[in-house]
Amino acid sequence: MDEVLAEVGPRLRRIRKERGATLAGLSEATGISVSTLSRLESGLRKPSLELLLPIARAHEVALDELVGAPAVRDPRVRAEPIRRHGRTYWPLTRQPGGLQAFKVLVPQEENEPEPRTHEGYEWLYVMSGRLRMVLGDHDIVLTAGEVVEFDTRVPHWFGSTGEGPVEFLSLFGPQGERMHVRARPKRS
């Protein structure tokens, strides 16, 4: 924090000089005394919002530029795809264990369902294509925009209908976490 504050003064001086402004001219534009501006630039006065906001307005710069705020990191998830059993999985979560999110692409080929069970709870959202799902005694087809949520201890299988590839999002909780928490109404 001290390093960031120490860099504000020289940055204020550089910006003012780049714009060809004088301390007297900046004082007139901001209502801040010349001596206060001089102490800010030399680092003898700590910057505050009350002082930096009028200076930013006068120079027509973002406050971030005056204080040297760190750049926002790249928000894109750059996960390497995983290929298993003909399917492609893109992990969307980075921490091992707990709730996991994946984007999944299943190719067109139609496979014979082989229902399996395991601990956990899963939620699927179909993004494109037609997803065939066998869950217990149910054999259903889900289309884009549809969602299914199920306990993975029930025998289940999902894949393409054979009419084309299917792309979906999967949220899986190995400990049986439910995706939707249904609260009971308060009793009086």
C-alpha atoms as a PDB file:
ATOM      1  CA  MET A   1       0.000   0.000   0.000  1.00  0.00           C
ATOM      2  CA  ASP A   2       2.825   2.403   0.900  1.00  0.00           C
ATOM      3  CA  GLU A   3       4.512   1.689  -2.456  1.00  0.00           C
ATOM      4  CA  VAL A   4       1.319   2.472  -4.355  1.00  0.00           C
ATOM      5  CA  LEU A   5       0.828   5.730  -2.425  1.00  0.00           C
ATOM      6  CA  ALA A   6       4.484   6.714  -2.965  1.00  0.00           C
ATOM      7  CA  GLU A   7       4.008   6.462  -6.745  1.00  0.00           C
ATOM      8  CA  VAL A   8       0.944   8.763  -6.802  1.00  0.00           C
ATOM      9  CA  GLY A   9       2.880  12.032  -6.382  1.00  0.00           C
ATOM     10  CA  PRO A  10       5.293  11.502  -9.297  1.00  0.00           C
ATOM     11  CA  ARG A  11       2.388  10.276 -11.430  1.00  0.00           C
ATOM     12  CA  LEU A  12       0.385  13.463 -10.623  1.00  0.00           C
ATOM     13  CA  ARG A  13       3.379  15.640 -11.599  1.00  0.00           C
ATOM     14  CA  ARG A  14       3.938  13.689 -14.855  1.00  0.00           C
ATOM     15  CA  ILE A  15       0.255  13.910 -15.879  1.00  0.00           C
ATOM     16  CA  ARG A  16       0.101  17.631 -15.073  1.00  0.00           C
ATOM     17  CA  LYS A  17       3.253  18.344 -17.114  1.00  0.00           C
ATOM     18  CA  GLU A  18       2.071  16.163 -20.039  1.00  0.00           C
ATOM     19  CA  ARG A  19      -1.004  18.369 -20.195  1.00  0.00           C
ATOM     20  CA  GLY A  20       1.007  21.562 -19.999  1.00  0.00           C
ATOM     21  CA  ALA A  21      -0.717  22.653 -16.782  1.00  0.00           C
ATOM     22  CA  THR A  22       0.862  24.704 -14.039  1.00  0.00           C
ATOM     23  CA  LEU A  23       0.273  24.282 -10.323  1.00  0.00           C
ATOM     24  CA  ALA A  24      -1.508  27.651 -10.323  1.00  0.00           C
ATOM     25  CA  GLY A  25      -3.745  26.637 -13.235  1.00  0.00           C
ATOM     26  CA  LEU A  26      -4.568  23.272 -11.628  1.00  0.00           C
ATOM     27  CA  SER A  27      -5.274  25.042  -8.334  1.00  0.00           C
ATOM     28  CA  GLU A  28      -7.756  27.319 -10.090  1.00  0.00           C
ATOM     29  CA  ALA A  29      -9.459  24.362 -11.837  1.00  0.00           C
ATOM     30  CA  THR A  30      -9.732  22.215  -8.705  1.00  0.00           C
ATOM     31  CA  GLY A  31     -10.037  24.648  -5.802  1.00  0.00           C
ATOM     32  CA  ILE A  32      -7.050  22.935  -4.133  1.00  0.00           C
ATOM     33  CA  SER A  33      -4.287  25.270  -2.916  1.00  0.00           C
ATOM     34  CA  VAL A  34      -0.981  25.411  -4.818  1.00  0.00           C
ATOM     35  CA  SER A  35       0.900  24.359  -1.673  1.00  0.00           C
ATOM     36  CA  THR A  36      -1.321  21.270  -1.209  1.00  0.00           C
ATOM     37  CA  LEU A  37      -0.855  20.309  -4.867  1.00  0.00           C
ATOM     38  CA  SER A  38       2.897  20.766  -4.535  1.00  0.00           C
ATOM     39  CA  ARG A  39       3.031  18.602  -1.377  1.00  0.00           C
ATOM     40  CA  LEU A  40       0.918  15.911  -3.120  1.00  0.00           C
ATOM     41  CA  GLU A  41       3.317  15.815  -6.079  1.00  0.00           C
ATOM     42  CA  SER A  42       6.405  15.690  -3.856  1.00  0.00           C
ATOM     43  CA  GLY A  43       4.926  12.945  -1.657  1.00  0.00           C
ATOM     44  CA  LEU A  44       4.812  15.111   1.475  1.00  0.00           C
ATOM     45  CA  ARG A  45       1.011  14.833   1.593  1.00  0.00           C
ATOM     46  CA  LYS A  46      -0.917  11.565   1.385  1.00  0.00           C
ATOM     47  CA  PRO A  47      -3.452  11.486  -1.437  1.00  0.00           C
ATOM     48  CA  SER A  48      -7.129  11.203  -0.531  1.00  0.00           C
ATOM     49  CA  LEU A  49     -10.275  10.874  -2.597  1.00  0.00           C
ATOM     50  CA  GLU A  50     -11.228  14.465  -1.727  1.00  0.00           C
ATOM     51  CA  LEU A  51      -8.038  15.629  -3.424  1.00  0.00           C
ATOM     52  CA  LEU A  52      -7.724  13.076  -6.243  1.00  0.00           C
ATOM     53  CA  LEU A  53     -11.280  13.304  -7.602  1.00  0.00           C
ATOM     54  CA  PRO A  54     -11.100  17.023  -8.539  1.00  0.00           C
ATOM     55  CA  ILE A  55      -7.617  16.483 -10.036  1.00  0.00           C
ATOM     56  CA  ALA A  56      -8.868  13.538 -12.128  1.00  0.00           C
ATOM     57  CA  ARG A  57     -11.796  15.691 -13.323  1.00  0.00           C
ATOM     58  CA  ALA A  58      -9.516  18.610 -14.183  1.00  0.00           C
ATOM     59  CA  HIS A  59      -7.132  16.369 -16.172  1.00  0.00           C
ATOM     60  CA  GLU A  60     -10.041  14.367 -17.634  1.00  0.00           C
ATOM     61  CA  VAL A  61      -8.506  11.041 -16.628  1.00  0.00           C
ATOM     62  CA  ALA A  62      -9.822   8.047 -14.734  1.00  0.00           C
ATOM     63  CA  LEU A  63      -9.009   7.930 -11.042  1.00  0.00           C
ATOM     64  CA  ASP A  64      -7.293   4.564 -11.722  1.00  0.00           C
ATOM     65  CA  GLU A  65      -4.755   6.383 -13.919  1.00  0.00           C
ATOM     66  CA  LEU A  66      -3.845   8.734 -11.073  1.00  0.00           C
ATOM     67  CA  VAL A  67      -3.336   6.005  -8.491  1.00  0.00           C
ATOM     68  CA  GLY A  68      -1.898   3.362 -10.824  1.00  0.00           C
ATOM     69  CA  ALA A  69      -4.549   0.749 -10.084  1.00  0.00           C
ATOM     70  CA  PRO A  70      -3.474  -2.747 -11.115  1.00  0.00           C
ATOM     71  CA  ALA A  71      -4.830  -4.021 -14.393  1.00  0.00           C
ATOM     72  CA  VAL A  72      -7.815  -6.325 -14.183  1.00  0.00           C
ATOM     73  CA  ARG A  73      -6.653  -9.867 -14.893  1.00  0.00           C
ATOM     74  CA  ASP A  74      -7.889 -11.704 -17.946  1.00  0.00           C
ATOM     75  CA  PRO A  75     -11.246 -13.281 -16.946  1.00  0.00           C
ATOM     76  CA  ARG A  76     -11.164 -16.016 -19.597  1.00  0.00           C
ATOM     77  CA  VAL A  77     -10.972 -19.614 -18.465  1.00  0.00           C
ATOM     78  CA  ARG A  78      -8.254 -21.312 -20.502  1.00  0.00           C
ATOM     79  CA  ALA A  79      -8.723 -24.935 -19.564  1.00  0.00           C
ATOM     80  CA  GLU A  80      -7.284 -27.657 -21.737  1.00  0.00           C
ATOM     81  CA  PRO A  81      -9.959 -30.022 -23.034  1.00  0.00           C
ATOM     82  CA  ILE A  82     -10.008 -33.586 -21.755  1.00  0.00           C
ATOM     83  CA  ARG A  83     -10.987 -36.356 -24.182  1.00  0.00           C
ATOM     84  CA  ARG A  84     -12.526 -39.502 -22.702  1.00  0.00           C
ATOM     85  CA  HIS A  85     -14.587 -42.243 -24.319  1.00  0.00           C
ATOM     86  CA  GLY A  86     -15.103 -40.136 -27.450  1.00  0.00           C
ATOM     87  CA  ARG A  87     -16.388 -37.149 -25.485  1.00  0.00           C
ATOM     88  CA  THR A  88     -14.641 -33.804 -24.968  1.00  0.00           C
ATOM     89  CA  TYR A  89     -14.801 -32.141 -21.538  1.00  0.00           C
ATOM     90  CA  TRP A  90     -13.717 -28.582 -20.754  1.00  0.00           C
ATOM     91  CA  PRO A  91     -13.277 -28.091 -16.988  1.00  0.00           C
ATOM     92  CA  LEU A  92     -14.787 -24.766 -15.910  1.00  0.00           C
ATOM     93  CA  THR A  93     -13.732 -24.970 -12.266  1.00  0.00           C
ATOM     94  CA  ARG A  94     -10.140 -24.968 -11.083  1.00  0.00           C
ATOM     95  CA  GLN A  95     -10.245 -26.346  -7.545  1.00  0.00           C
ATOM     96  CA  PRO A  96     -10.174 -30.113  -7.059  1.00  0.00           C
ATOM     97  CA  GLY A  97     -12.975 -31.674  -5.043  1.00  0.00           C
ATOM     98  CA  GLY A  98     -16.291 -30.093  -4.231  1.00  0.00           C
ATOM     99  CA  LEU A  99     -18.632 -28.839  -6.912  1.00  0.00           C
ATOM    100  CA  GLN A 100     -17.219 -29.290 -10.437  1.00  0.00           C
ATOM    101  CA  ALA A 101     -18.421 -27.635 -13.657  1.00  0.00           C
ATOM    102  CA  PHE A 102     -17.760 -28.904 -17.194  1.00  0.00           C
ATOM    103  CA  LYS A 103     -18.757 -28.041 -20.728  1.00  0.00           C
ATOM    104  CA  VAL A 104     -19.203 -31.366 -22.563  1.00  0.00           C
ATOM    105  CA  LEU A 105     -19.371 -32.205 -26.268  1.00  0.00           C
ATOM    106  CA  VAL A 106     -20.693 -35.634 -27.264  1.00  0.00           C
ATOM    107  CA  PRO A 107     -20.227 -36.594 -30.931  1.00  0.00           C
ATOM    108  CA  GLN A 108     -23.099 -37.705 -33.171  1.00  0.00           C
ATOM    109  CA  GLU A 109     -22.549 -41.439 -32.952  1.00  0.00           C
ATOM    110  CA  GLU A 110     -25.327 -43.265 -31.181  1.00  0.00           C
ATOM    111  CA  ASN A 111     -24.207 -45.514 -28.361  1.00  0.00           C
ATOM    112  CA  GLU A 112     -25.986 -48.255 -26.521  1.00  0.00           C
ATOM    113  CA  PRO A 113     -26.821 -46.957 -23.026  1.00  0.00           C
ATOM    114  CA  GLU A 114     -24.772 -48.430 -20.196  1.00  0.00           C
ATOM    115  CA  PRO A 115     -26.316 -46.945 -17.032  1.00  0.00           C
ATOM    116  CA  ARG A 116     -23.923 -46.495 -14.095  1.00  0.00           C
ATOM    117  CA  THR A 117     -24.196 -45.274 -10.524  1.00  0.00           C
ATOM    118  CA  HIS A 118     -21.843 -43.388  -8.230  1.00  0.00           C
ATOM    119  CA  GLU A 119     -22.001 -41.004  -5.295  1.00  0.00           C
ATOM    120  CA  GLY A 120     -23.000 -37.438  -6.050  1.00  0.00           C
ATOM    121  CA  TYR A 121     -25.588 -35.177  -7.553  1.00  0.00           C
ATOM    122  CA  GLU A 122     -25.580 -33.794 -11.103  1.00  0.00           C
ATOM    123  CA  TRP A 123     -27.237 -30.990 -13.026  1.00  0.00           C
ATOM    124  CA  LEU A 124     -27.167 -30.829 -16.853  1.00  0.00           C
ATOM    125  CA  TYR A 125     -28.107 -27.908 -19.126  1.00  0.00           C
ATOM    126  CA  VAL A 126     -28.369 -28.672 -22.856  1.00  0.00           C
ATOM    127  CA  MET A 127     -26.760 -25.920 -24.921  1.00  0.00           C
ATOM    128  CA  SER A 128     -27.249 -27.405 -28.406  1.00  0.00           C
ATOM    129  CA  GLY A 129     -28.314 -30.660 -30.002  1.00  0.00           C
ATOM    130  CA  ARG A 130     -30.454 -33.402 -28.498  1.00  0.00           C
ATOM    131  CA  LEU A 131     -29.335 -35.229 -25.358  1.00  0.00           C
ATOM    132  CA  ARG A 132     -30.656 -38.725 -24.746  1.00  0.00           C
ATOM    133  CA  MET A 133     -30.827 -39.561 -21.071  1.00  0.00           C
ATOM    134  CA  VAL A 134     -31.587 -42.834 -19.411  1.00  0.00           C
ATOM    135  CA  LEU A 135     -32.326 -42.332 -15.708  1.00  0.00           C
ATOM    136  CA  GLY A 136     -33.745 -45.298 -13.807  1.00  0.00           C
ATOM    137  CA  ASP A 137     -36.854 -46.342 -15.751  1.00  0.00           C
ATOM    138  CA  HIS A 138     -36.951 -43.104 -17.794  1.00  0.00           C
ATOM    139  CA  ASP A 139     -35.577 -42.769 -21.332  1.00  0.00           C
ATOM    140  CA  ILE A 140     -35.958 -39.101 -22.350  1.00  0.00           C
ATOM    141  CA  VAL A 141     -34.627 -36.659 -24.923  1.00  0.00           C
ATOM    142  CA  LEU A 142     -33.662 -33.151 -23.824  1.00  0.00           C
ATOM    143  CA  THR A 143     -33.258 -30.257 -26.266  1.00  0.00           C
ATOM    144  CA  ALA A 144     -31.435 -26.911 -26.089  1.00  0.00           C
ATOM    145  CA  GLY A 145     -32.423 -24.914 -23.020  1.00  0.00           C
ATOM    146  CA  GLU A 146     -33.694 -27.886 -21.018  1.00  0.00           C
ATOM    147  CA  VAL A 147     -32.273 -28.859 -17.646  1.00  0.00           C
ATOM    148  CA  VAL A 148     -32.212 -32.083 -15.671  1.00  0.00           C
ATOM    149  CA  GLU A 149     -31.123 -32.622 -12.086  1.00  0.00           C
ATOM    150  CA  PHE A 150     -30.614 -36.043 -10.513  1.00  0.00           C
ATOM    151  CA  ASP A 151     -29.050 -38.126  -7.780  1.00  0.00           C
ATOM    152  CA  THR A 152     -26.195 -40.065  -9.390  1.00  0.00           C
ATOM    153  CA  ARG A 153     -26.929 -43.100  -7.202  1.00  0.00           C
ATOM    154  CA  VAL A 154     -29.866 -43.719  -9.594  1.00  0.00           C
ATOM    155  CA  PRO A 155     -28.611 -45.723 -12.627  1.00  0.00           C
ATOM    156  CA  HIS A 156     -28.027 -43.158 -15.392  1.00  0.00           C
ATOM    157  CA  TRP A 157     -26.495 -42.671 -18.840  1.00  0.00           C
ATOM    158  CA  PHE A 158     -26.546 -39.747 -21.262  1.00  0.00           C
ATOM    159  CA  GLY A 159     -25.307 -39.212 -24.785  1.00  0.00           C
ATOM    160  CA  SER A 160     -26.270 -38.147 -28.296  1.00  0.00           C
ATOM    161  CA  THR A 161     -29.505 -39.339 -29.881  1.00  0.00           C
ATOM    162  CA  GLY A 162     -27.477 -40.175 -33.000  1.00  0.00           C
ATOM    163  CA  GLU A 163     -29.029 -37.245 -34.929  1.00  0.00           C
ATOM    164  CA  GLY A 164     -26.007 -34.976 -34.360  1.00  0.00           C
ATOM    165  CA  PRO A 165     -23.585 -33.868 -31.662  1.00  0.00           C
ATOM    166  CA  VAL A 166     -24.862 -32.544 -28.350  1.00  0.00           C
ATOM    167  CA  GLU A 167     -23.252 -29.877 -26.176  1.00  0.00           C
ATOM    168  CA  PHE A 168     -24.180 -29.379 -22.535  1.00  0.00           C
ATOM    169  CA  LEU A 169     -23.021 -27.953 -19.221  1.00  0.00           C
ATOM    170  CA  SER A 170     -22.596 -30.306 -16.286  1.00  0.00           C
ATOM    171  CA  LEU A 171     -22.398 -29.373 -12.613  1.00  0.00           C
ATOM    172  CA  PHE A 172     -21.416 -32.291 -10.439  1.00  0.00           C
ATOM    173  CA  GLY A 173     -21.176 -32.474  -6.675  1.00  0.00           C
ATOM    174  CA  PRO A 174     -19.391 -35.611  -5.465  1.00  0.00           C
ATOM    175  CA  GLN A 175     -20.809 -35.298  -1.963  1.00  0.00           C
ATOM    176  CA  GLY A 176     -24.422 -35.150  -3.139  1.00  0.00           C
ATOM    177  CA  GLU A 177     -24.834 -31.371  -3.076  1.00  0.00           C
ATOM    178  CA  ARG A 178     -28.083 -30.325  -4.681  1.00  0.00           C
ATOM    179  CA  MET A 179     -27.983 -27.554  -7.269  1.00  0.00           C
ATOM    180  CA  HIS A 180     -31.297 -26.036  -6.166  1.00  0.00           C
ATOM    181  CA  VAL A 181     -31.845 -25.541  -2.467  1.00  0.00           C
ATOM    182  CA  ARG A 182     -35.518 -25.554  -1.717  1.00  0.00           C
ATOM    183  CA  ALA A 183     -36.234 -23.711   1.506  1.00  0.00           C
ATOM    184  CA  ARG A 184     -39.193 -24.705   3.615  1.00  0.00           C
ATOM    185  CA  PRO A 185     -41.599 -21.892   4.457  1.00  0.00           C
ATOM    186  CA  LYS A 186     -41.229 -20.462   7.952  1.00  0.00           C
ATOM    187  CA  ARG A 187     -43.717 -21.818  10.407  1.00  0.00           C
ATOM    188  CA  SER A 188     -45.488 -19.422  12.683  1.00  0.00           C
END
